[in-house]
Amino acid sequence: MKHLMVIIFIGFLSLPVSAQERIRNPFLWKVTKGEQEFYLFGTIHLAEPELQLLPKSLVKVLNTSDRIYIEVPMDRATQRKATQLFLRRDHRSLKEILPSKLYHECDAYVRSLSSRMRLDSFDRMKIWALSSTLSGLKSHLMYPNLRPIDKIIYDYALSHHKKIQGIETIQEQLEIMDDFTLNEQILGLEATMDQLNGGEDLTKKLKAYYLKGKERELLAFMNRSMFQVPKYKKLEKKLLQRVLYDRNVRMAKRIKRMVAKSPKKHYLFAFGVMHFLGMRSVIGYLKVYGYRVERMMLK
């Protein structure tokens, strides 16, 4: 469950990385229909050293694109709104809301990452937001100044005077999680802690598949990571439907509408890579709309 949270959810100096650490085979697709042509790029919402250099093939597409769409805008106003949407308004502490065992488990994990941190530092967070935050906290503490690929693309577009905006609003993306009951959110936090304390670095595997551009392996890895624990199956099914599949339908419809309005413009749509994999993906729906989609594999 944590992997889906990391992939779907959303630092500023980049570190130099070696050629061996670059993205070797980007998740980049060319989409055509008649004379119309645009591109899709699958991102990963991790801010780590290996992910700081944009692939040359993507840079070429960026430079020739008239309009670029990422999942949500990444300006300061959107970041402030996201912070607001992460916070509860009930004035209760996490200690009052969470089961005692889970609270102390989360607190122990936070303390293990930094002696200066305590769980009460996150007291105002919604429970789903706490799950997402704890999932990426170790990486954030290790690389506080690094950017995820989405932010690198956003900054590149702005620096080159490109028009870039979100396919969704931050409200649309995050308010989905408010539809989960408090008990479901607590169960999701339990699943997150099970993974974080499991000893296996699944994020490392996820990143390795992404860097190598292994489409089938990445999809199979995601499928193996879910529905393995009976008590989480129902929640994970709902999470997939609401956070991935329902949004894929909306994204595909908006892409179709946008490119139809200005068919001579050059577009790039850069979303989390899982939105482009599998039968119920954005790519799957674009094919239903009559588009031809071809992965641009490196030789």
Protein backbone atom coordinates (compact mmCIF):
# COMPACT_ATOMS: atom_id res chain seq x y z
CA MET A 1 0.00 0.00 0.00
CA LYS A 2 2.85 2.33 0.79
CA HIS A 3 4.15 2.06 -2.78
CA LEU A 4 0.92 3.30 -4.25
CA MET A 5 0.98 6.20 -1.78
CA VAL A 6 4.54 7.02 -2.76
CA ILE A 7 3.78 6.78 -6.47
CA ILE A 8 0.61 8.82 -6.37
CA PHE A 9 1.44 11.49 -3.78
CA ILE A 10 3.37 14.28 -3.87
CA GLY A 11 13.09 19.85 -2.35
CA PHE A 12 15.55 22.38 -4.45
CA LEU A 13 19.28 21.96 -5.30
CA SER A 14 20.29 18.97 -7.39
CA LEU A 15 23.35 16.88 -6.67
CA PRO A 16 25.68 15.71 -9.43
CA VAL A 17 25.14 12.08 -10.34
CA SER A 18 27.17 9.73 -12.46
CA ALA A 19 26.11 8.47 -15.87
CA GLN A 20 25.42 5.07 -14.31
CA GLU A 21 22.83 6.62 -11.99
CA ARG A 22 20.72 8.27 -14.65
CA ILE A 23 17.35 7.04 -15.87
CA ARG A 24 18.44 4.51 -18.46
CA ASN A 25 15.17 3.85 -20.29
CA PRO A 26 12.56 6.57 -19.70
CA PHE A 27 8.86 5.83 -19.51
CA LEU A 28 8.17 7.99 -22.54
CA TRP A 29 5.38 7.35 -25.05
CA LYS A 30 4.49 8.95 -28.38
CA VAL A 31 0.76 9.27 -29.05
CA THR A 32 -0.65 9.82 -32.55
CA LYS A 33 -4.00 10.04 -34.28
CA GLY A 34 -4.04 11.20 -37.89
CA GLU A 35 -1.71 14.21 -38.01
CA GLN A 36 -2.01 14.85 -34.29
CA GLU A 37 0.95 13.97 -32.08
CA PHE A 38 1.73 14.37 -28.37
CA TYR A 39 3.78 12.68 -25.63
CA LEU A 40 3.30 11.01 -22.26
CA PHE A 41 6.01 10.67 -19.60
CA GLY A 42 5.75 8.55 -16.46
CA THR A 43 7.28 10.10 -13.36
CA ILE A 44 8.00 8.70 -9.91
CA HIS A 45 7.32 10.84 -6.86
CA LEU A 46 10.65 10.23 -5.13
CA ALA A 47 13.33 12.84 -4.47
CA GLU A 48 16.59 10.89 -4.57
CA PRO A 49 20.04 11.42 -6.18
CA GLU A 50 19.51 8.91 -9.00
CA LEU A 51 16.45 10.79 -10.20
CA GLN A 52 17.85 14.31 -10.53
CA LEU A 53 18.84 14.31 -14.21
CA LEU A 54 16.14 14.49 -16.85
CA PRO A 55 16.63 11.99 -19.70
CA LYS A 56 17.83 13.55 -22.95
CA SER A 57 14.83 12.21 -24.84
CA LEU A 58 12.50 13.91 -22.35
CA VAL A 59 14.42 17.20 -22.56
CA LYS A 60 14.01 17.11 -26.33
CA VAL A 61 10.25 16.70 -25.97
CA LEU A 62 10.11 19.44 -23.34
CA ASN A 63 11.94 21.83 -25.64
CA THR A 64 9.51 21.23 -28.50
CA SER A 65 6.32 21.26 -26.40
CA ASP A 66 3.95 24.22 -26.44
CA ARG A 67 2.05 23.08 -23.39
CA ILE A 68 3.09 20.82 -20.54
CA TYR A 69 0.74 19.21 -18.04
CA ILE A 70 1.73 17.57 -14.76
CA GLU A 71 -0.66 16.10 -12.20
CA VAL A 72 -1.18 19.29 -10.19
CA PRO A 73 0.34 22.79 -10.32
CA MET A 74 3.52 23.13 -8.25
CA ASP A 75 3.48 26.84 -7.50
CA ARG A 76 3.61 28.24 -3.97
CA ALA A 77 -0.12 28.89 -3.82
CA THR A 78 -0.81 25.23 -4.57
CA GLN A 79 1.76 24.13 -1.99
CA ARG A 80 0.07 26.30 0.63
CA LYS A 81 -3.31 24.84 -0.28
CA ALA A 82 -1.90 21.32 -0.05
CA THR A 83 -0.63 22.06 3.45
CA GLN A 84 -4.10 23.22 4.46
CA LEU A 85 -5.67 20.07 3.02
CA PHE A 86 -3.23 17.92 5.01
CA LEU A 87 -4.43 19.36 8.33
CA ARG A 88 -7.33 18.41 10.59
CA ARG A 89 -9.57 20.96 12.26
CA ASP A 90 -10.86 18.92 15.19
CA HIS A 91 -8.19 20.14 17.65
CA ARG A 92 -7.59 16.59 18.86
CA SER A 93 -4.11 15.15 19.24
CA LEU A 94 -2.91 12.04 17.44
CA LYS A 95 -2.61 10.40 20.84
CA GLU A 96 -6.36 10.85 21.30
CA ILE A 97 -7.22 9.54 17.82
CA LEU A 98 -4.87 6.63 17.23
CA PRO A 99 -4.93 3.28 19.04
CA SER A 100 -2.23 3.37 21.74
CA LYS A 101 -0.11 0.61 20.17
CA LEU A 102 -0.16 2.28 16.75
CA TYR A 103 0.63 5.69 18.22
CA HIS A 104 3.70 4.40 20.04
CA GLU A 105 4.80 2.44 16.96
CA CYS A 106 4.65 5.61 14.84
CA ASP A 107 6.38 7.64 17.53
CA ALA A 108 9.19 5.08 17.84
CA TYR A 109 9.68 5.12 14.07
CA VAL A 110 9.92 8.92 13.93
CA ARG A 111 12.39 8.94 16.85
CA SER A 112 14.51 6.28 15.12
CA LEU A 113 14.99 8.63 12.17
CA SER A 114 15.91 11.68 14.25
CA SER A 115 16.46 12.13 17.97
CA ARG A 116 14.99 15.62 17.65
CA MET A 117 11.65 14.44 16.25
CA ARG A 118 8.49 13.28 18.00
CA LEU A 119 5.16 12.16 16.62
CA ASP A 120 3.40 15.10 18.25
CA SER A 121 5.22 17.28 15.67
CA PHE A 122 2.59 15.93 13.23
CA ASP A 123 -0.36 16.32 15.61
CA ARG A 124 -2.58 18.35 13.30
CA MET A 125 -2.21 16.08 10.29
CA LYS A 126 -5.06 14.03 8.89
CA ILE A 127 -4.34 10.34 9.32
CA TRP A 128 -4.00 9.65 5.59
CA ALA A 129 -1.60 12.59 5.35
CA LEU A 130 0.44 11.17 8.23
CA SER A 131 0.70 7.84 6.37
CA SER A 132 1.99 9.59 3.26
CA THR A 133 4.41 11.74 5.24
CA LEU A 134 5.89 8.86 7.21
CA SER A 135 6.31 6.85 4.00
CA GLY A 136 8.68 9.46 2.56
CA LEU A 137 10.16 10.85 5.77
CA LYS A 138 13.39 8.83 5.75
CA SER A 139 14.20 9.87 2.19
CA HIS A 140 13.31 13.51 2.91
CA LEU A 141 15.65 13.60 5.92
CA MET A 142 18.46 12.02 3.88
CA TYR A 143 18.00 14.31 0.85
CA PRO A 144 16.17 17.43 2.08
CA ASN A 145 17.18 19.59 -0.89
CA LEU A 146 16.38 17.21 -3.73
CA ARG A 147 13.35 17.51 -6.00
CA PRO A 148 11.07 14.79 -7.38
CA ILE A 149 11.00 14.53 -11.17
CA ASP A 150 7.67 16.34 -11.35
CA LYS A 151 9.21 19.41 -9.68
CA ILE A 152 12.31 19.23 -11.89
CA ILE A 153 10.07 19.23 -14.98
CA TYR A 154 8.05 22.11 -13.55
CA ASP A 155 11.15 24.19 -12.83
CA TYR A 156 12.66 23.39 -16.24
CA ALA A 157 9.47 24.47 -18.01
CA LEU A 158 9.32 27.75 -16.13
CA SER A 159 12.99 28.51 -16.75
CA HIS A 160 12.41 27.95 -20.48
CA HIS A 161 9.24 30.06 -20.52
CA LYS A 162 6.99 27.09 -21.24
CA LYS A 163 3.31 27.00 -20.33
CA ILE A 164 2.90 24.36 -17.61
CA GLN A 165 -0.13 23.56 -15.51
CA GLY A 166 -1.92 20.73 -13.74
CA ILE A 167 -4.33 18.23 -15.27
CA GLU A 168 -6.05 18.27 -11.87
CA THR A 169 -6.40 20.73 -9.02
CA ILE A 170 -4.79 19.98 -5.68
CA GLN A 171 -8.28 19.86 -4.17
CA GLU A 172 -9.37 17.16 -6.62
CA GLN A 173 -6.29 15.09 -5.90
CA LEU A 174 -6.17 15.29 -2.11
CA GLU A 175 -9.84 15.50 -1.20
CA ILE A 176 -10.21 11.96 -2.54
CA MET A 177 -8.50 10.81 0.64
CA ASP A 178 -11.06 12.58 2.82
CA ASP A 179 -13.66 10.13 1.48
CA PHE A 180 -11.97 7.39 3.49
CA THR A 181 -13.43 6.92 6.95
CA LEU A 182 -11.31 7.50 10.04
CA ASN A 183 -11.16 3.76 10.63
CA GLU A 184 -10.00 3.20 7.05
CA GLN A 185 -7.33 5.87 7.43
CA ILE A 186 -6.12 4.27 10.66
CA LEU A 187 -5.99 0.88 8.93
CA GLY A 188 -3.98 2.50 6.14
CA LEU A 189 -1.54 3.87 8.70
CA GLU A 190 -1.18 0.38 10.17
CA ALA A 191 -0.35 -0.94 6.69
CA THR A 192 2.24 1.80 6.22
CA MET A 193 3.91 1.00 9.53
CA ASP A 194 3.92 -2.73 8.73
CA GLN A 195 5.86 -1.96 5.57
CA LEU A 196 8.22 0.57 7.15
CA ASN A 197 9.11 -1.86 9.94
CA GLY A 198 9.22 -4.89 7.65
CA GLY A 199 12.95 -4.71 7.01
CA GLU A 200 12.72 -5.04 3.22
CA ASP A 201 13.58 -1.88 1.27
CA LEU A 202 10.78 -2.04 -1.27
CA THR A 203 11.35 1.55 -2.37
CA LYS A 204 14.80 0.50 -3.57
CA LYS A 205 13.25 -2.17 -5.79
CA LEU A 206 10.65 0.25 -7.07
CA LYS A 207 13.33 2.77 -7.98
CA ALA A 208 15.47 0.13 -9.69
CA TYR A 209 12.64 -0.94 -11.98
CA TYR A 210 11.89 2.69 -12.77
CA LEU A 211 15.50 3.58 -13.61
CA LYS A 212 15.74 0.63 -15.99
CA GLY A 213 12.34 1.33 -17.55
CA LYS A 214 11.05 -2.16 -16.78
CA GLU A 215 7.34 -1.81 -17.50
CA ARG A 216 6.17 -5.38 -16.91
CA GLU A 217 8.37 -5.85 -13.86
CA LEU A 218 7.16 -2.59 -12.29
CA LEU A 219 3.52 -3.50 -12.82
CA ALA A 220 4.06 -7.02 -11.49
CA PHE A 221 5.91 -5.62 -8.48
CA MET A 222 3.00 -3.34 -7.67
CA ASN A 223 0.54 -6.22 -7.96
CA ARG A 224 2.68 -8.38 -5.67
CA SER A 225 2.90 -5.60 -3.10
CA MET A 226 -0.86 -5.41 -2.63
CA PHE A 227 -3.63 -7.76 -1.48
CA GLN A 228 -1.20 -9.98 0.42
CA VAL A 229 -2.54 -9.24 3.92
CA PRO A 230 -6.23 -10.19 4.34
CA LYS A 231 -7.17 -7.32 6.67
CA TYR A 232 -5.90 -4.72 4.15
CA LYS A 233 -7.45 -6.17 0.97
CA LYS A 234 -10.74 -4.24 1.06
CA LEU A 235 -9.00 -0.96 1.81
CA GLU A 236 -6.38 -1.48 -0.89
CA LYS A 237 -9.07 -2.26 -3.45
CA LYS A 238 -10.86 1.00 -2.60
CA LEU A 239 -7.57 2.89 -2.67
CA LEU A 240 -6.72 1.59 -6.15
CA GLN A 241 -10.16 2.46 -7.45
CA ARG A 242 -10.32 5.98 -6.07
CA VAL A 243 -6.70 7.09 -6.27
CA LEU A 244 -5.70 5.40 -9.52
CA TYR A 245 -8.47 4.01 -11.73
CA ASP A 246 -11.05 6.78 -11.28
CA ARG A 247 -8.40 9.43 -11.85
CA ASN A 248 -7.15 7.62 -14.97
CA VAL A 249 -10.61 8.00 -16.51
CA ARG A 250 -10.66 11.71 -15.67
CA MET A 251 -7.11 12.30 -16.91
CA ALA A 252 -7.73 10.54 -20.23
CA LYS A 253 -10.92 12.50 -20.85
CA ARG A 254 -9.18 15.79 -20.13
CA ILE A 255 -6.24 14.92 -22.39
CA LYS A 256 -8.63 14.10 -25.21
CA ARG A 257 -10.50 17.37 -24.73
CA MET A 258 -7.36 19.50 -24.43
CA VAL A 259 -5.60 18.20 -27.53
CA ALA A 260 -8.85 18.42 -29.53
CA LYS A 261 -9.13 22.15 -28.77
CA SER A 262 -5.72 22.94 -30.23
CA PRO A 263 -4.67 19.95 -32.36
CA LYS A 264 -1.68 21.72 -33.88
CA LYS A 265 -0.08 22.41 -30.49
CA HIS A 266 2.65 20.15 -29.13
CA TYR A 267 1.77 18.62 -25.74
CA LEU A 268 3.56 16.70 -23.02
CA PHE A 269 1.61 15.04 -20.20
CA ALA A 270 3.82 13.94 -17.27
CA PHE A 271 2.04 11.95 -14.54
CA GLY A 272 3.02 9.26 -12.06
CA VAL A 273 4.11 6.22 -14.07
CA MET A 274 1.40 3.93 -12.67
CA HIS A 275 -1.22 6.07 -14.42
CA PHE A 276 0.19 4.73 -17.72
CA LEU A 277 0.54 1.02 -16.90
CA GLY A 278 -2.06 -1.72 -17.18
CA MET A 279 -5.41 -2.17 -18.90
CA ARG A 280 -7.27 0.51 -16.92
CA SER A 281 -4.56 3.12 -17.44
CA VAL A 282 -4.60 6.48 -19.19
CA ILE A 283 -2.92 4.78 -22.14
CA GLY A 284 -5.61 2.10 -22.19
CA TYR A 285 -8.36 4.72 -22.42
CA LEU A 286 -6.52 6.73 -25.07
CA LYS A 287 -6.35 3.59 -27.20
CA VAL A 288 -10.11 3.21 -26.82
CA TYR A 289 -10.41 6.80 -28.09
CA GLY A 290 -8.58 5.75 -31.25
CA TYR A 291 -5.07 6.96 -30.44
CA ARG A 292 -1.99 4.95 -31.27
CA VAL A 293 0.47 4.81 -28.36
CA GLU A 294 4.09 3.71 -28.85
CA ARG A 295 6.77 3.43 -26.17
CA MET A 296 9.95 5.25 -27.19
CA MET A 297 12.54 2.68 -26.22
CA LEU A 298 16.24 3.47 -26.28
CA LYS A 299 18.39 1.44 -28.65
